Amino acid sequence: MFKLVSGKKEINLDKIKIKYDKDISSELIQDLYISIGWQYRDIQDIKNSLNNSVLVVTAWDEETLIGIARATGDGVFNVTIWDVAVKPIYQKQGVGKLILKSMLTKLDDCDISLITLYAEWAKKDFYSKLGFETNFNKVVGMYRYKNGRFRDKEKQEE
């Protein structure tokens, strides 16, 4: 039995297992994404995103998927970290930091020269503590969505 503290599951980070494996149930990942309020993503799209990733890092509490991050890129010069997600009851206990530190260690072992990520502005301080920085005088992050928007509700409304 686990202990809930203020809507959080009290955990021991030493018991959280980190895995480096793309062969994960897309349904489990979809459930994780939905649990944090992200838009609907098609199961096959999730599977394709995993297969096309350079690295996928997941965190597990026994048999429960509690967090994920993935990286895409050329695997030599540049990678971008995407989809950093931790189930709400596990948040603010070091799981996200554990996932990212594990990912950064693997990427550093590959001697990747530039690691980028996109994040909500409110999460900037979290990522800064892990060595990421913003520099508006030198670099600007830009993005373009197909048809000017997310593919958000199209599939849900079908």
N, C-alpha and C. Protein backbone atom coordinates (compact mmCIF):
# COMPACT_ATOMS: atom_id res chain seq x y z
N MET A 1 0.85 -1.19 0.00
CA MET A 1 0.00 0.00 0.00
C MET A 1 0.89 1.24 0.00
N PHE A 2 0.49 2.24 -0.76
CA PHE A 2 1.28 3.46 -0.79
C PHE A 2 0.56 4.55 -0.01
N LYS A 3 1.28 5.58 0.32
CA LYS A 3 0.75 6.68 1.11
C LYS A 3 0.54 7.90 0.22
N LEU A 4 -0.68 8.45 0.25
CA LEU A 4 -0.96 9.68 -0.49
C LEU A 4 -0.76 10.88 0.43
N VAL A 5 0.00 11.85 -0.05
CA VAL A 5 0.23 13.08 0.69
C VAL A 5 -0.18 14.23 -0.21
N SER A 6 -1.23 14.94 0.19
CA SER A 6 -1.73 16.08 -0.59
C SER A 6 -1.95 15.71 -2.06
N GLY A 7 -2.59 14.57 -2.33
CA GLY A 7 -2.88 14.16 -3.69
C GLY A 7 -1.69 13.61 -4.44
N LYS A 8 -0.58 13.41 -3.75
CA LYS A 8 0.63 12.86 -4.36
C LYS A 8 0.92 11.50 -3.74
N LYS A 9 1.49 10.61 -4.54
CA LYS A 9 1.93 9.33 -4.02
C LYS A 9 3.34 9.51 -3.48
N GLU A 10 3.51 9.30 -2.20
CA GLU A 10 4.84 9.45 -1.60
C GLU A 10 5.72 8.31 -2.09
N ILE A 11 6.86 8.65 -2.68
CA ILE A 11 7.70 7.63 -3.29
C ILE A 11 9.13 7.70 -2.78
N ASN A 12 9.84 6.63 -3.00
CA ASN A 12 11.27 6.55 -2.75
C ASN A 12 11.92 6.49 -4.13
N LEU A 13 12.64 7.54 -4.52
CA LEU A 13 13.23 7.59 -5.87
C LEU A 13 14.17 6.43 -6.14
N ASP A 14 14.78 5.86 -5.10
CA ASP A 14 15.67 4.72 -5.29
C ASP A 14 14.92 3.49 -5.81
N LYS A 15 13.61 3.46 -5.62
CA LYS A 15 12.82 2.32 -6.07
C LYS A 15 12.20 2.54 -7.45
N ILE A 16 12.38 3.73 -8.01
CA ILE A 16 11.87 4.01 -9.35
C ILE A 16 12.86 3.44 -10.35
N LYS A 17 12.35 2.64 -11.29
CA LYS A 17 13.21 2.02 -12.30
C LYS A 17 13.19 2.86 -13.57
N ILE A 18 14.38 3.16 -14.07
CA ILE A 18 14.53 3.88 -15.34
C ILE A 18 14.82 2.86 -16.43
N LYS A 19 14.09 2.98 -17.54
CA LYS A 19 14.30 2.08 -18.68
C LYS A 19 14.61 2.91 -19.93
N TYR A 20 15.44 2.34 -20.78
CA TYR A 20 15.79 2.94 -22.08
C TYR A 20 15.29 1.97 -23.14
N ASP A 21 14.05 2.13 -23.54
CA ASP A 21 13.43 1.15 -24.42
C ASP A 21 12.30 1.81 -25.19
N LYS A 22 12.28 1.61 -26.50
CA LYS A 22 11.21 2.14 -27.34
C LYS A 22 9.99 1.22 -27.39
N ASP A 23 10.16 0.00 -26.94
CA ASP A 23 9.09 -1.00 -27.02
C ASP A 23 8.18 -0.88 -25.79
N ILE A 24 7.33 0.14 -25.83
CA ILE A 24 6.42 0.43 -24.72
C ILE A 24 5.01 0.46 -25.29
N SER A 25 4.07 0.05 -24.52
CA SER A 25 2.68 0.10 -24.94
C SER A 25 2.26 1.54 -25.23
N SER A 26 1.81 1.79 -26.45
CA SER A 26 1.34 3.13 -26.82
C SER A 26 0.12 3.52 -26.00
N GLU A 27 -0.66 2.54 -25.59
CA GLU A 27 -1.83 2.81 -24.77
C GLU A 27 -1.42 3.36 -23.40
N LEU A 28 -0.36 2.79 -22.82
CA LEU A 28 0.14 3.30 -21.53
C LEU A 28 0.61 4.74 -21.67
N ILE A 29 1.28 5.03 -22.77
CA ILE A 29 1.77 6.39 -22.98
C ILE A 29 0.60 7.34 -23.20
N GLN A 30 -0.38 6.92 -23.99
CA GLN A 30 -1.56 7.76 -24.20
C GLN A 30 -2.24 8.06 -22.86
N ASP A 31 -2.38 7.04 -22.00
CA ASP A 31 -2.98 7.26 -20.68
C ASP A 31 -2.19 8.27 -19.86
N LEU A 32 -0.86 8.18 -19.94
CA LEU A 32 -0.01 9.13 -19.22
C LEU A 32 -0.23 10.55 -19.76
N TYR A 33 -0.21 10.71 -21.07
CA TYR A 33 -0.42 12.03 -21.67
C TYR A 33 -1.78 12.61 -21.28
N ILE A 34 -2.81 11.80 -21.34
CA ILE A 34 -4.15 12.27 -20.99
C ILE A 34 -4.21 12.65 -19.51
N SER A 35 -3.50 11.90 -18.65
CA SER A 35 -3.53 12.19 -17.21
C SER A 35 -2.97 13.57 -16.88
N ILE A 36 -2.10 14.10 -17.75
CA ILE A 36 -1.55 15.44 -17.49
C ILE A 36 -2.24 16.52 -18.31
N GLY A 37 -3.31 16.14 -19.02
CA GLY A 37 -4.10 17.12 -19.73
C GLY A 37 -3.65 17.43 -21.14
N TRP A 38 -2.77 16.59 -21.69
CA TRP A 38 -2.34 16.82 -23.07
C TRP A 38 -3.42 16.39 -24.04
N GLN A 39 -3.33 16.94 -25.24
CA GLN A 39 -4.29 16.64 -26.30
C GLN A 39 -4.27 15.15 -26.64
N TYR A 40 -5.35 14.70 -27.23
CA TYR A 40 -5.45 13.33 -27.71
C TYR A 40 -4.39 13.07 -28.78
N ARG A 41 -3.75 11.93 -28.69
CA ARG A 41 -2.79 11.50 -29.70
C ARG A 41 -3.15 10.09 -30.13
N ASP A 42 -3.19 9.87 -31.41
CA ASP A 42 -3.53 8.57 -31.97
C ASP A 42 -2.49 7.53 -31.54
N ILE A 43 -2.95 6.32 -31.24
CA ILE A 43 -2.08 5.23 -30.79
C ILE A 43 -0.97 4.95 -31.80
N GLN A 44 -1.31 4.89 -33.07
CA GLN A 44 -0.29 4.62 -34.10
C GLN A 44 0.70 5.78 -34.20
N ASP A 45 0.22 7.01 -34.03
CA ASP A 45 1.13 8.16 -34.04
C ASP A 45 2.12 8.08 -32.87
N ILE A 46 1.64 7.66 -31.72
CA ILE A 46 2.53 7.50 -30.56
C ILE A 46 3.58 6.44 -30.86
N LYS A 47 3.15 5.32 -31.42
CA LYS A 47 4.08 4.24 -31.77
C LYS A 47 5.13 4.73 -32.76
N ASN A 48 4.69 5.47 -33.78
CA ASN A 48 5.63 6.01 -34.78
C ASN A 48 6.60 7.00 -34.14
N SER A 49 6.11 7.82 -33.23
CA SER A 49 7.00 8.80 -32.58
C SER A 49 8.07 8.09 -31.76
N LEU A 50 7.72 7.00 -31.11
CA LEU A 50 8.71 6.22 -30.35
C LEU A 50 9.75 5.61 -31.28
N ASN A 51 9.26 4.99 -32.36
CA ASN A 51 10.18 4.33 -33.30
C ASN A 51 11.13 5.32 -33.97
N ASN A 52 10.68 6.56 -34.16
CA ASN A 52 11.50 7.57 -34.81
C ASN A 52 12.37 8.36 -33.84
N SER A 53 12.32 8.02 -32.57
CA SER A 53 13.11 8.72 -31.56
C SER A 53 14.52 8.14 -31.48
N VAL A 54 15.47 8.99 -31.16
CA VAL A 54 16.85 8.57 -30.94
C VAL A 54 16.96 7.86 -29.59
N LEU A 55 16.20 8.35 -28.61
CA LEU A 55 16.26 7.82 -27.25
C LEU A 55 14.91 8.02 -26.58
N VAL A 56 14.46 6.99 -25.88
CA VAL A 56 13.24 7.07 -25.07
C VAL A 56 13.61 6.64 -23.66
N VAL A 57 13.27 7.47 -22.68
CA VAL A 57 13.54 7.16 -21.28
C VAL A 57 12.21 7.13 -20.55
N THR A 58 11.97 6.05 -19.82
CA THR A 58 10.74 5.93 -19.05
C THR A 58 11.06 5.67 -17.59
N ALA A 59 10.13 6.05 -16.72
CA ALA A 59 10.24 5.79 -15.28
C ALA A 59 9.07 4.91 -14.87
N TRP A 60 9.37 3.93 -14.04
CA TRP A 60 8.38 2.94 -13.63
C TRP A 60 8.36 2.79 -12.11
N ASP A 61 7.16 2.73 -11.57
CA ASP A 61 6.95 2.38 -10.16
C ASP A 61 6.37 0.97 -10.20
N GLU A 62 7.24 0.00 -10.01
CA GLU A 62 6.92 -1.41 -10.22
C GLU A 62 6.47 -1.59 -11.67
N GLU A 63 5.21 -1.94 -11.91
CA GLU A 63 4.74 -2.16 -13.28
C GLU A 63 3.98 -0.96 -13.85
N THR A 64 3.98 0.15 -13.14
CA THR A 64 3.23 1.33 -13.55
C THR A 64 4.14 2.35 -14.23
N LEU A 65 3.81 2.71 -15.47
CA LEU A 65 4.52 3.78 -16.17
C LEU A 65 4.15 5.10 -15.51
N ILE A 66 5.16 5.80 -14.99
CA ILE A 66 4.88 7.06 -14.28
C ILE A 66 5.48 8.28 -14.96
N GLY A 67 6.39 8.06 -15.94
CA GLY A 67 6.98 9.20 -16.61
C GLY A 67 7.72 8.81 -17.87
N ILE A 68 7.92 9.79 -18.73
CA ILE A 68 8.58 9.55 -20.02
C ILE A 68 9.23 10.84 -20.53
N ALA A 69 10.25 10.67 -21.33
CA ALA A 69 10.82 11.74 -22.15
C ALA A 69 11.41 11.05 -23.37
N ARG A 70 11.42 11.75 -24.49
CA ARG A 70 12.03 11.17 -25.68
C ARG A 70 12.83 12.24 -26.40
N ALA A 71 13.80 11.78 -27.19
CA ALA A 71 14.66 12.70 -27.93
C ALA A 71 14.67 12.30 -29.40
N THR A 72 14.63 13.31 -30.26
CA THR A 72 14.73 13.09 -31.70
C THR A 72 15.92 13.90 -32.22
N GLY A 73 16.39 13.54 -33.39
CA GLY A 73 17.49 14.28 -33.99
C GLY A 73 18.38 13.37 -34.81
N ASP A 74 19.57 13.87 -35.11
CA ASP A 74 20.48 13.08 -35.93
C ASP A 74 21.34 12.13 -35.11
N GLY A 75 21.31 12.27 -33.79
CA GLY A 75 22.06 11.37 -32.93
C GLY A 75 23.55 11.62 -32.92
N VAL A 76 24.00 12.66 -33.61
CA VAL A 76 25.42 12.98 -33.67
C VAL A 76 25.67 14.41 -33.20
N PHE A 77 25.07 15.37 -33.89
CA PHE A 77 25.30 16.78 -33.58
C PHE A 77 24.19 17.39 -32.72
N ASN A 78 22.95 17.07 -33.05
CA ASN A 78 21.81 17.74 -32.43
C ASN A 78 20.71 16.75 -32.06
N VAL A 79 20.12 16.97 -30.90
CA VAL A 79 18.88 16.28 -30.54
C VAL A 79 17.98 17.28 -29.82
N THR A 80 16.70 17.01 -29.88
CA THR A 80 15.72 17.80 -29.16
C THR A 80 14.92 16.86 -28.26
N ILE A 81 14.75 17.28 -27.02
CA ILE A 81 13.98 16.50 -26.05
C ILE A 81 12.52 16.93 -26.14
N TRP A 82 11.65 15.93 -26.15
CA TRP A 82 10.20 16.14 -26.30
C TRP A 82 9.44 15.36 -25.23
N ASP A 83 8.20 15.76 -25.07
CA ASP A 83 7.20 14.97 -24.34
C ASP A 83 7.65 14.55 -22.95
N VAL A 84 8.25 15.46 -22.21
CA VAL A 84 8.59 15.16 -20.82
C VAL A 84 7.28 15.18 -20.04
N ALA A 85 6.93 14.04 -19.47
CA ALA A 85 5.64 13.91 -18.79
C ALA A 85 5.77 13.01 -17.57
N VAL A 86 5.13 13.41 -16.48
CA VAL A 86 5.09 12.62 -15.25
C VAL A 86 3.65 12.61 -14.76
N LYS A 87 3.16 11.42 -14.39
CA LYS A 87 1.79 11.32 -13.87
C LYS A 87 1.61 12.29 -12.70
N PRO A 88 0.46 12.93 -12.63
CA PRO A 88 0.23 13.96 -11.61
C PRO A 88 0.53 13.53 -10.17
N ILE A 89 0.15 12.33 -9.77
CA ILE A 89 0.39 11.95 -8.37
C ILE A 89 1.86 11.71 -8.06
N TYR A 90 2.71 11.69 -9.09
CA TYR A 90 4.15 11.51 -8.90
C TYR A 90 4.94 12.80 -9.11
N GLN A 91 4.25 13.87 -9.48
CA GLN A 91 4.94 15.12 -9.79
C GLN A 91 5.50 15.80 -8.53
N LYS A 92 6.50 16.64 -8.75
CA LYS A 92 7.15 17.43 -7.70
C LYS A 92 7.81 16.56 -6.63
N GLN A 93 8.30 15.39 -7.05
CA GLN A 93 9.02 14.50 -6.14
C GLN A 93 10.35 14.05 -6.73
N GLY A 94 10.75 14.65 -7.84
CA GLY A 94 12.05 14.33 -8.41
C GLY A 94 12.02 13.35 -9.57
N VAL A 95 10.84 12.87 -9.96
CA VAL A 95 10.76 11.89 -11.05
C VAL A 95 11.16 12.52 -12.38
N GLY A 96 10.65 13.71 -12.68
CA GLY A 96 11.01 14.38 -13.92
C GLY A 96 12.50 14.67 -13.99
N LYS A 97 13.06 15.11 -12.89
CA LYS A 97 14.50 15.37 -12.82
C LYS A 97 15.28 14.08 -13.04
N LEU A 98 14.84 12.98 -12.44
CA LEU A 98 15.49 11.68 -12.61
C LEU A 98 15.47 11.25 -14.08
N ILE A 99 14.32 11.40 -14.72
CA ILE A 99 14.19 11.03 -16.14
C ILE A 99 15.15 11.87 -16.98
N LEU A 100 15.13 13.19 -16.78
CA LEU A 100 15.97 14.07 -17.60
C LEU A 100 17.46 13.87 -17.33
N LYS A 101 17.84 13.69 -16.08
CA LYS A 101 19.26 13.44 -15.79
C LYS A 101 19.70 12.13 -16.45
N SER A 102 18.84 11.12 -16.42
CA SER A 102 19.16 9.85 -17.07
C SER A 102 19.32 10.04 -18.57
N MET A 103 18.42 10.82 -19.16
CA MET A 103 18.49 11.08 -20.60
C MET A 103 19.74 11.88 -20.94
N LEU A 104 20.02 12.92 -20.19
CA LEU A 104 21.19 13.75 -20.47
C LEU A 104 22.49 12.97 -20.32
N THR A 105 22.56 12.07 -19.37
CA THR A 105 23.75 11.23 -19.21
C THR A 105 23.97 10.38 -20.45
N LYS A 106 22.90 9.74 -20.94
CA LYS A 106 23.02 8.92 -22.16
C LYS A 106 23.43 9.77 -23.36
N LEU A 107 22.82 10.94 -23.51
CA LEU A 107 23.14 11.81 -24.64
C LEU A 107 24.57 12.35 -24.53
N ASP A 108 25.00 12.67 -23.32
CA ASP A 108 26.39 13.12 -23.13
C ASP A 108 27.37 12.01 -23.48
N ASP A 109 27.01 10.77 -23.16
CA ASP A 109 27.87 9.62 -23.51
C ASP A 109 28.04 9.50 -25.02
N CYS A 110 27.05 9.98 -25.78
CA CYS A 110 27.11 9.95 -27.25
C CYS A 110 27.80 11.19 -27.81
N ASP A 111 28.22 12.08 -26.94
CA ASP A 111 28.93 13.30 -27.32
C ASP A 111 28.10 14.19 -28.25
N ILE A 112 26.80 14.29 -27.98
CA ILE A 112 25.91 15.18 -28.73
C ILE A 112 26.29 16.62 -28.37
N SER A 113 26.56 17.45 -29.37
CA SER A 113 27.04 18.80 -29.07
C SER A 113 25.93 19.79 -28.70
N LEU A 114 24.71 19.59 -29.19
CA LEU A 114 23.62 20.52 -28.88
C LEU A 114 22.36 19.75 -28.53
N ILE A 115 21.85 20.01 -27.34
CA ILE A 115 20.60 19.39 -26.88
C ILE A 115 19.62 20.53 -26.63
N THR A 116 18.49 20.48 -27.31
CA THR A 116 17.48 21.52 -27.16
C THR A 116 16.19 20.90 -26.64
N LEU A 117 15.29 21.75 -26.19
CA LEU A 117 13.96 21.28 -25.82
C LEU A 117 12.99 22.44 -25.91
N TYR A 118 11.74 22.11 -26.01
CA TYR A 118 10.65 23.08 -25.98
C TYR A 118 9.86 22.80 -24.72
N ALA A 119 9.50 23.86 -24.00
CA ALA A 119 8.76 23.68 -22.75
C ALA A 119 7.84 24.87 -22.53
N GLU A 120 6.86 24.65 -21.69
CA GLU A 120 6.00 25.75 -21.28
C GLU A 120 6.86 26.76 -20.51
N TRP A 121 6.56 28.04 -20.68
CA TRP A 121 7.33 29.08 -20.01
C TRP A 121 7.36 28.86 -18.50
N ALA A 122 6.27 28.40 -17.93
CA ALA A 122 6.19 28.17 -16.49
C ALA A 122 7.18 27.11 -16.00
N LYS A 123 7.67 26.27 -16.89
CA LYS A 123 8.61 25.20 -16.53
C LYS A 123 10.07 25.61 -16.73
N LYS A 124 10.29 26.86 -17.14
CA LYS A 124 11.64 27.33 -17.46
C LYS A 124 12.63 27.12 -16.32
N ASP A 125 12.24 27.44 -15.09
CA ASP A 125 13.16 27.30 -13.96
C ASP A 125 13.54 25.85 -13.72
N PHE A 126 12.60 24.94 -13.89
CA PHE A 126 12.88 23.51 -13.74
C PHE A 126 14.00 23.08 -14.69
N TYR A 127 13.88 23.46 -15.95
CA TYR A 127 14.88 23.07 -16.95
C TYR A 127 16.20 23.83 -16.76
N SER A 128 16.14 25.06 -16.29
CA SER A 128 17.37 25.83 -16.03
C SER A 128 18.24 25.12 -15.00
N LYS A 129 17.62 24.53 -14.00
CA LYS A 129 18.37 23.80 -12.96
C LYS A 129 19.08 22.58 -13.52
N LEU A 130 18.69 22.14 -14.70
CA LEU A 130 19.32 20.98 -15.34
C LEU A 130 20.31 21.41 -16.42
N GLY A 131 20.60 22.72 -16.48
CA GLY A 131 21.63 23.21 -17.40
C GLY A 131 21.12 23.83 -18.68
N PHE A 132 19.81 23.88 -18.88
CA PHE A 132 19.25 24.50 -20.07
C PHE A 132 19.14 26.00 -19.84
N GLU A 133 19.27 26.76 -20.92
CA GLU A 133 19.19 28.21 -20.79
C GLU A 133 18.43 28.81 -21.96
N THR A 134 17.90 30.00 -21.70
CA THR A 134 17.30 30.79 -22.77
C THR A 134 18.26 31.92 -23.07
N ASN A 135 18.35 32.28 -24.33
CA ASN A 135 19.22 33.39 -24.73
C ASN A 135 18.59 34.05 -25.94
N PHE A 136 17.76 35.04 -25.67
CA PHE A 136 17.03 35.69 -26.75
C PHE A 136 17.91 36.55 -27.63
N ASN A 137 19.11 36.88 -27.18
CA ASN A 137 20.03 37.68 -28.00
C ASN A 137 20.72 36.84 -29.07
N LYS A 138 20.80 35.52 -28.85
CA LYS A 138 21.52 34.66 -29.79
C LYS A 138 20.61 33.66 -30.50
N VAL A 139 19.61 33.14 -29.79
CA VAL A 139 18.81 32.05 -30.34
C VAL A 139 17.33 32.36 -30.11
N VAL A 140 16.53 32.03 -31.10
CA VAL A 140 15.09 32.12 -30.92
C VAL A 140 14.49 30.78 -31.31
N GLY A 141 13.65 30.25 -30.46
CA GLY A 141 12.94 29.01 -30.79
C GLY A 141 11.70 29.37 -31.59
N MET A 142 11.51 28.71 -32.69
CA MET A 142 10.36 28.99 -33.54
C MET A 142 9.65 27.69 -33.86
N TYR A 143 8.39 27.77 -34.17
CA TYR A 143 7.63 26.59 -34.52
C TYR A 143 6.54 26.95 -35.51
N ARG A 144 6.06 25.95 -36.20
CA ARG A 144 4.98 26.11 -37.17
C ARG A 144 4.10 24.89 -37.08
N TYR A 145 2.81 25.10 -36.88
CA TYR A 145 1.87 23.99 -36.82
C TYR A 145 1.18 23.82 -38.16
N LYS A 146 0.93 22.59 -38.54
CA LYS A 146 0.18 22.29 -39.76
C LYS A 146 -1.17 23.01 -39.67
N ASN A 147 -1.55 23.69 -40.73
CA ASN A 147 -2.80 24.44 -40.78
C ASN A 147 -2.91 25.48 -39.67
N GLY A 148 -1.77 25.88 -39.12
CA GLY A 148 -1.78 26.92 -38.11
C GLY A 148 -2.29 26.52 -36.74
N ARG A 149 -2.44 25.23 -36.46
CA ARG A 149 -2.96 24.80 -35.17
C ARG A 149 -2.54 23.36 -34.88
N PHE A 150 -2.75 22.96 -33.64
CA PHE A 150 -2.53 21.57 -33.26
C PHE A 150 -3.57 20.68 -33.93
N ARG A 151 -3.23 19.41 -34.08
CA ARG A 151 -4.23 18.42 -34.50
C ARG A 151 -4.95 17.97 -33.24
N ASP A 152 -5.70 18.84 -32.64
CA ASP A 152 -6.20 18.56 -31.31
C ASP A 152 -7.49 17.77 -31.25
N LYS A 153 -8.54 18.32 -31.65
CA LYS A 153 -9.82 17.69 -31.40
C LYS A 153 -10.38 16.93 -32.60
N GLU A 154 -9.69 16.99 -33.73
CA GLU A 154 -10.20 16.32 -34.93
C GLU A 154 -10.54 14.86 -34.66
N LYS A 155 -9.61 14.13 -34.06
CA LYS A 155 -9.80 12.69 -33.87
C LYS A 155 -10.78 12.41 -32.75
N GLN A 156 -10.86 13.28 -31.74
CA GLN A 156 -11.79 13.08 -30.65
C GLN A 156 -13.23 13.24 -31.12
N GLU A 157 -13.45 14.11 -32.10
CA GLU A 157 -14.80 14.40 -32.56
C GLU A 157 -15.32 13.38 -33.55
N GLU A 158 -14.45 12.51 -34.05
CA GLU A 158 -14.87 11.51 -35.04
C GLU A 158 -15.75 10.45 -34.41
